[in-house]
Amino acid sequence: MTLRQVASKASVALGYLSEVERGQKEASSEILASVAEALDTPISSIMREVGDRLAVLEGVAPIVPDTLPDELVAEFDAGFAVR
């Protein structure tokens, strides 16, 4: 998608989104959520990617493991089975 398409789909001004992309402005959580939705990407995936990149820049290992423990997966699955 082009920046124009993302801005339109996310209902964000193209100029503002361009400034965010270039690091000249910081986006609010609402704008981040709108952009993630426009890109059809879970915001958690974006935040994780950013966190991992920051960890590399800071020279530390990412805190979140690549996989979840089996008991956490079972608890998560059970929570959705009830609904």
Protein backbone atom coordinates (compact mmCIF):
# COMPACT_ATOMS: atom_id res chain seq x y z
CA MET A 1 0.00 0.00 0.00
CA THR A 2 1.10 3.54 -0.58
CA LEU A 3 1.28 6.05 2.25
CA ARG A 4 -1.67 7.85 0.67
CA GLN A 5 -3.76 4.64 0.70
CA VAL A 6 -2.89 3.90 4.34
CA ALA A 7 -3.66 7.47 5.38
CA SER A 8 -7.01 7.36 3.59
CA LYS A 9 -8.00 3.96 4.98
CA ALA A 10 -6.89 4.96 8.51
CA SER A 11 -8.59 8.39 8.27
CA VAL A 12 -5.31 10.13 9.09
CA ALA A 13 -3.99 13.21 7.30
CA LEU A 14 -1.39 12.23 4.72
CA GLY A 15 1.02 14.99 5.81
CA TYR A 16 0.79 13.96 9.45
CA LEU A 17 1.34 10.28 8.66
CA SER A 18 4.31 11.23 6.51
CA GLU A 19 5.82 13.16 9.43
CA VAL A 20 5.27 10.15 11.71
CA GLU A 21 6.98 7.90 9.17
CA ARG A 22 10.00 10.23 9.02
CA GLY A 23 10.22 10.46 12.82
CA GLN A 24 9.23 14.12 12.94
CA LYS A 25 6.00 13.49 14.88
CA GLU A 26 4.90 10.86 17.35
CA ALA A 27 1.63 9.08 16.75
CA SER A 28 -0.97 8.63 19.47
CA SER A 29 -2.17 5.17 20.39
CA GLU A 30 -5.41 5.91 18.52
CA ILE A 31 -3.52 6.70 15.30
CA LEU A 32 -1.33 3.63 15.71
CA ALA A 33 -4.46 1.50 16.13
CA SER A 34 -6.05 3.07 13.03
CA VAL A 35 -2.93 2.49 10.93
CA ALA A 36 -2.62 -1.10 12.16
CA GLU A 37 -6.25 -1.72 11.23
CA ALA A 38 -5.71 -0.10 7.81
CA LEU A 39 -2.76 -2.44 7.26
CA ASP A 40 -4.83 -5.40 8.51
CA THR A 41 -2.09 -6.12 11.05
CA PRO A 42 -2.57 -6.71 14.78
CA ILE A 43 -1.15 -3.80 16.75
CA SER A 44 0.50 -6.35 19.05
CA SER A 45 2.59 -7.56 16.10
CA ILE A 46 3.72 -4.03 15.36
CA MET A 47 4.55 -3.30 18.99
CA ARG A 48 6.48 -6.54 19.31
CA GLU A 49 8.51 -5.81 16.19
CA VAL A 50 9.33 -2.32 17.47
CA GLY A 51 10.23 -3.70 20.90
CA ASP A 52 12.53 -6.31 19.40
CA ARG A 53 14.26 -3.70 17.24
CA LEU A 54 14.73 -1.39 20.22
CA ALA A 55 16.17 -4.25 22.26
CA VAL A 56 18.75 -4.88 19.54
CA LEU A 57 19.67 -1.19 19.43
CA GLU A 58 20.00 -1.14 23.22
CA GLY A 59 22.10 -4.29 23.17
CA VAL A 60 19.70 -6.32 25.31
CA ALA A 61 17.80 -9.50 24.59
CA PRO A 62 14.07 -9.07 23.95
CA ILE A 63 12.06 -9.80 27.09
CA VAL A 64 9.19 -11.55 25.30
CA PRO A 65 10.07 -15.11 24.30
CA ASP A 66 9.43 -16.29 20.74
CA THR A 67 7.07 -18.99 22.00
CA LEU A 68 4.60 -19.19 24.83
CA PRO A 69 4.78 -21.84 27.55
CA ASP A 70 2.27 -24.66 27.00
CA GLU A 71 0.37 -23.83 30.19
CA LEU A 72 -0.14 -20.23 29.06
CA VAL A 73 -1.37 -21.39 25.65
CA ALA A 74 -3.81 -23.80 27.35
CA GLU A 75 -5.06 -21.02 29.66
CA PHE A 76 -5.48 -18.68 26.70
CA ASP A 77 -7.36 -21.31 24.67
CA ALA A 78 -9.59 -22.16 27.64
CA GLY A 79 -10.52 -18.49 28.04
CA PHE A 80 -11.80 -18.37 24.48
CA ALA A 81 -13.60 -21.72 24.71
CA VAL A 82 -15.83 -20.34 27.47
CA ARG A 83 -17.04 -17.39 25.38
